[in-house]
Amino acid sequence: PQPPPPPPPAAVLVRLEDVEKAIDRWRRAWPGLVHPETLGTTREGRPIRLVRLGPGKTPPEHLPETLLVAGIHPREQQPTLYLLRLAEELLAAHGTDPSIGAILERQVLWIVPALNPDGKAWEQEHPDWRKNRAP
């Protein structure tokens, strides 16, 4: 398949919708390697998206696993942006560049692009917000 388009420039706010679109795009382009799941739900009821990148419907038990997490602090755009870009580049290289693409054959990558979707949703509606929302 054709590689997906690059992520938006760093100056652009990465929205929850961008994360969902990226996951859906990956799932359609690489159905054997992309396995979307949900880590759980937030206090406000939003799903915390977890994506397993690797072979098979269930992760082979003999492969090492790596967890990559971004989106802990909603105002920090680069971690989410670059985690999405890393996943897209690894997926695009699979099958075309043996030195990079084989990474997904030798291990399982767990990707959490937005660990704090409630904070991300609040940030989208209040771009100048700079405080902690915890009670």
C-alpha atoms as a PDB file:
ATOM      1  CA  PRO A   1       0.000   0.000   0.000  1.00  0.00           C
ATOM      2  CA  GLN A   2       0.911   3.640  -0.396  1.00  0.00           C
ATOM      3  CA  PRO A   3       2.415   5.229   2.714  1.00  0.00           C
ATOM      4  CA  PRO A   4       0.035   7.480   4.605  1.00  0.00           C
ATOM      5  CA  PRO A   5       0.393  11.247   4.396  1.00  0.00           C
ATOM      6  CA  PRO A   6       2.810  12.820   6.864  1.00  0.00           C
ATOM      7  CA  PRO A   7       1.453  14.178  10.131  1.00  0.00           C
ATOM      8  CA  PRO A   8       0.604  17.859  10.424  1.00  0.00           C
ATOM      9  CA  PRO A   9       3.430  20.330  11.124  1.00  0.00           C
ATOM     10  CA  ALA A  10       4.439  20.776  14.755  1.00  0.00           C
ATOM     11  CA  ALA A  11       2.738  24.179  14.954  1.00  0.00           C
ATOM     12  CA  VAL A  12      -0.664  22.531  14.453  1.00  0.00           C
ATOM     13  CA  LEU A  13      -2.703  21.406  17.441  1.00  0.00           C
ATOM     14  CA  VAL A  14      -2.919  17.602  17.430  1.00  0.00           C
ATOM     15  CA  ARG A  15      -6.571  16.853  18.096  1.00  0.00           C
ATOM     16  CA  LEU A  16      -8.195  13.635  19.295  1.00  0.00           C
ATOM     17  CA  GLU A  17      -9.780  13.359  15.855  1.00  0.00           C
ATOM     18  CA  ASP A  18      -6.289  13.370  14.283  1.00  0.00           C
ATOM     19  CA  VAL A  19      -5.275  10.449  16.483  1.00  0.00           C
ATOM     20  CA  GLU A  20      -8.425   8.502  15.550  1.00  0.00           C
ATOM     21  CA  LYS A  21      -7.941   9.228  11.830  1.00  0.00           C
ATOM     22  CA  ALA A  22      -4.325   8.056  11.974  1.00  0.00           C
ATOM     23  CA  ILE A  23      -5.259   4.810  13.744  1.00  0.00           C
ATOM     24  CA  ASP A  24      -8.052   4.151  11.240  1.00  0.00           C
ATOM     25  CA  ARG A  25      -5.727   4.909   8.301  1.00  0.00           C
ATOM     26  CA  TRP A  26      -3.109   2.498   9.659  1.00  0.00           C
ATOM     27  CA  ARG A  27      -5.701  -0.210  10.283  1.00  0.00           C
ATOM     28  CA  ARG A  28      -6.958   0.007   6.704  1.00  0.00           C
ATOM     29  CA  ALA A  29      -3.484   0.170   5.093  1.00  0.00           C
ATOM     30  CA  TRP A  30      -1.806  -2.519   7.248  1.00  0.00           C
ATOM     31  CA  PRO A  31      -4.560  -4.782   8.649  1.00  0.00           C
ATOM     32  CA  GLY A  32      -2.117  -7.580   9.534  1.00  0.00           C
ATOM     33  CA  LEU A  33       0.131  -5.277  11.583  1.00  0.00           C
ATOM     34  CA  VAL A  34      -2.204  -2.737  13.226  1.00  0.00           C
ATOM     35  CA  HIS A  35      -4.478  -3.869  16.035  1.00  0.00           C
ATOM     36  CA  PRO A  36      -6.416  -1.031  17.730  1.00  0.00           C
ATOM     37  CA  GLU A  37      -7.560  -1.630  21.276  1.00  0.00           C
ATOM     38  CA  THR A  38      -8.661   0.398  24.272  1.00  0.00           C
ATOM     39  CA  LEU A  39      -6.574   0.713  27.412  1.00  0.00           C
ATOM     40  CA  GLY A  40      -9.644   1.779  29.389  1.00  0.00           C
ATOM     41  CA  THR A  41     -11.833   4.823  29.772  1.00  0.00           C
ATOM     42  CA  THR A  42     -11.200   8.162  31.406  1.00  0.00           C
ATOM     43  CA  ARG A  43     -13.092   9.761  34.258  1.00  0.00           C
ATOM     44  CA  GLU A  44     -15.131  11.649  31.636  1.00  0.00           C
ATOM     45  CA  GLY A  45     -15.849   8.449  29.683  1.00  0.00           C
ATOM     46  CA  ARG A  46     -13.462   8.838  26.738  1.00  0.00           C
ATOM     47  CA  PRO A  47     -11.602   5.768  25.483  1.00  0.00           C
ATOM     48  CA  ILE A  48      -7.835   5.691  25.972  1.00  0.00           C
ATOM     49  CA  ARG A  49      -6.608   4.384  22.647  1.00  0.00           C
ATOM     50  CA  LEU A  50      -3.984   1.654  22.600  1.00  0.00           C
ATOM     51  CA  VAL A  51      -2.603   0.307  19.339  1.00  0.00           C
ATOM     52  CA  ARG A  52      -0.594  -2.870  19.026  1.00  0.00           C
ATOM     53  CA  LEU A  53       1.812  -2.886  16.107  1.00  0.00           C
ATOM     54  CA  GLY A  54       3.061  -6.327  15.234  1.00  0.00           C
ATOM     55  CA  PRO A  55       2.198  -9.573  13.509  1.00  0.00           C
ATOM     56  CA  GLY A  56      -0.936 -11.598  14.130  1.00  0.00           C
ATOM     57  CA  LYS A  57      -4.255 -11.095  15.863  1.00  0.00           C
ATOM     58  CA  THR A  58      -2.721 -11.913  19.241  1.00  0.00           C
ATOM     59  CA  PRO A  59       0.859 -10.995  20.112  1.00  0.00           C
ATOM     60  CA  PRO A  60       3.226 -13.973  19.903  1.00  0.00           C
ATOM     61  CA  GLU A  61       4.428 -14.745  23.422  1.00  0.00           C
ATOM     62  CA  HIS A  62       8.061 -15.143  22.406  1.00  0.00           C
ATOM     63  CA  LEU A  63       8.463 -11.595  21.061  1.00  0.00           C
ATOM     64  CA  PRO A  64       9.723  -8.763  23.266  1.00  0.00           C
ATOM     65  CA  GLU A  65       7.263  -5.937  23.848  1.00  0.00           C
ATOM     66  CA  THR A  66       7.805  -2.180  24.041  1.00  0.00           C
ATOM     67  CA  LEU A  67       5.314   0.402  25.309  1.00  0.00           C
ATOM     68  CA  LEU A  68       5.472   3.947  23.876  1.00  0.00           C
ATOM     69  CA  VAL A  69       3.261   6.548  25.566  1.00  0.00           C
ATOM     70  CA  ALA A  70       2.544  10.170  24.620  1.00  0.00           C
ATOM     71  CA  GLY A  71      -0.143  12.720  25.342  1.00  0.00           C
ATOM     72  CA  ILE A  72       0.242  12.748  29.108  1.00  0.00           C
ATOM     73  CA  HIS A  73       0.307  16.554  29.251  1.00  0.00           C
ATOM     74  CA  PRO A  74      -2.278  17.872  26.778  1.00  0.00           C
ATOM     75  CA  ARG A  75      -0.514  21.111  25.846  1.00  0.00           C
ATOM     76  CA  GLU A  76       2.646  19.243  24.762  1.00  0.00           C
ATOM     77  CA  GLN A  77       2.048  18.596  21.051  1.00  0.00           C
ATOM     78  CA  GLN A  78       5.373  17.109  19.974  1.00  0.00           C
ATOM     79  CA  PRO A  79       5.244  13.791  21.869  1.00  0.00           C
ATOM     80  CA  THR A  80       1.922  12.811  20.291  1.00  0.00           C
ATOM     81  CA  LEU A  81       2.918  14.191  16.910  1.00  0.00           C
ATOM     82  CA  TYR A  82       6.217  12.317  16.823  1.00  0.00           C
ATOM     83  CA  LEU A  83       4.783   9.075  18.182  1.00  0.00           C
ATOM     84  CA  LEU A  84       2.212   9.110  15.368  1.00  0.00           C
ATOM     85  CA  ARG A  85       4.995   9.852  12.884  1.00  0.00           C
ATOM     86  CA  LEU A  86       7.218   7.066  14.224  1.00  0.00           C
ATOM     87  CA  ALA A  87       4.390   4.547  13.881  1.00  0.00           C
ATOM     88  CA  GLU A  88       3.611   5.688  10.330  1.00  0.00           C
ATOM     89  CA  GLU A  89       7.255   5.493   9.278  1.00  0.00           C
ATOM     90  CA  LEU A  90       7.694   2.007  10.735  1.00  0.00           C
ATOM     91  CA  LEU A  91       4.517   0.790   9.055  1.00  0.00           C
ATOM     92  CA  ALA A  92       5.431   2.382   5.719  1.00  0.00           C
ATOM     93  CA  ALA A  93       8.894   0.782   5.845  1.00  0.00           C
ATOM     94  CA  HIS A  94       7.515  -2.680   6.597  1.00  0.00           C
ATOM     95  CA  GLY A  95       8.016  -4.824   3.521  1.00  0.00           C
ATOM     96  CA  THR A  96      10.112  -2.205   1.702  1.00  0.00           C
ATOM     97  CA  ASP A  97      13.102  -1.527   3.969  1.00  0.00           C
ATOM     98  CA  PRO A  98      14.254  -4.731   5.681  1.00  0.00           C
ATOM     99  CA  SER A  99      16.438  -2.948   8.234  1.00  0.00           C
ATOM    100  CA  ILE A 100      13.538  -0.819   9.521  1.00  0.00           C
ATOM    101  CA  GLY A 101      10.442  -2.764   8.604  1.00  0.00           C
ATOM    102  CA  ALA A 102      11.675  -5.922  10.314  1.00  0.00           C
ATOM    103  CA  ILE A 103      11.349  -4.146  13.662  1.00  0.00           C
ATOM    104  CA  LEU A 104       7.646  -4.994  13.593  1.00  0.00           C
ATOM    105  CA  GLU A 105       8.457  -8.660  12.927  1.00  0.00           C
ATOM    106  CA  ARG A 106      10.928  -8.963  15.834  1.00  0.00           C
ATOM    107  CA  GLN A 107       8.900  -7.264  18.558  1.00  0.00           C
ATOM    108  CA  VAL A 108       5.493  -5.986  19.530  1.00  0.00           C
ATOM    109  CA  LEU A 109       5.074  -2.221  19.890  1.00  0.00           C
ATOM    110  CA  TRP A 110       2.253  -0.914  22.054  1.00  0.00           C
ATOM    111  CA  ILE A 111       1.396   2.711  21.187  1.00  0.00           C
ATOM    112  CA  VAL A 112      -0.654   5.050  23.393  1.00  0.00           C
ATOM    113  CA  PRO A 113      -0.783   8.310  21.392  1.00  0.00           C
ATOM    114  CA  ALA A 114      -2.968  10.236  23.875  1.00  0.00           C
ATOM    115  CA  LEU A 115      -2.882   8.918  27.437  1.00  0.00           C
ATOM    116  CA  ASN A 116      -4.910  11.914  28.658  1.00  0.00           C
ATOM    117  CA  PRO A 117      -7.805  12.325  26.189  1.00  0.00           C
ATOM    118  CA  ASP A 118      -9.848  14.358  28.712  1.00  0.00           C
ATOM    119  CA  GLY A 119      -7.068  16.936  28.937  1.00  0.00           C
ATOM    120  CA  LYS A 120      -6.649  16.886  25.159  1.00  0.00           C
ATOM    121  CA  ALA A 121     -10.379  17.498  24.655  1.00  0.00           C
ATOM    122  CA  TRP A 122     -10.312  20.400  27.155  1.00  0.00           C
ATOM    123  CA  GLU A 123      -7.265  21.879  25.428  1.00  0.00           C
ATOM    124  CA  GLN A 124      -9.006  21.756  22.049  1.00  0.00           C
ATOM    125  CA  GLU A 125     -11.838  23.896  23.397  1.00  0.00           C
ATOM    126  CA  HIS A 126      -9.636  26.156  25.559  1.00  0.00           C
ATOM    127  CA  PRO A 127      -6.347  26.682  23.680  1.00  0.00           C
ATOM    128  CA  ASP A 128      -5.025  29.293  26.137  1.00  0.00           C
ATOM    129  CA  TRP A 129      -5.597  27.122  29.200  1.00  0.00           C
ATOM    130  CA  ARG A 130      -2.482  26.492  31.321  1.00  0.00           C
ATOM    131  CA  LYS A 131      -3.627  24.924  34.591  1.00  0.00           C
ATOM    132  CA  ASN A 132      -4.190  21.524  36.081  1.00  0.00           C
ATOM    133  CA  ARG A 133      -7.873  20.492  36.048  1.00  0.00           C
ATOM    134  CA  ALA A 134      -7.631  18.065  38.973  1.00  0.00           C
ATOM    135  CA  PRO A 135     -10.143  18.837  41.748  1.00  0.00           C
END
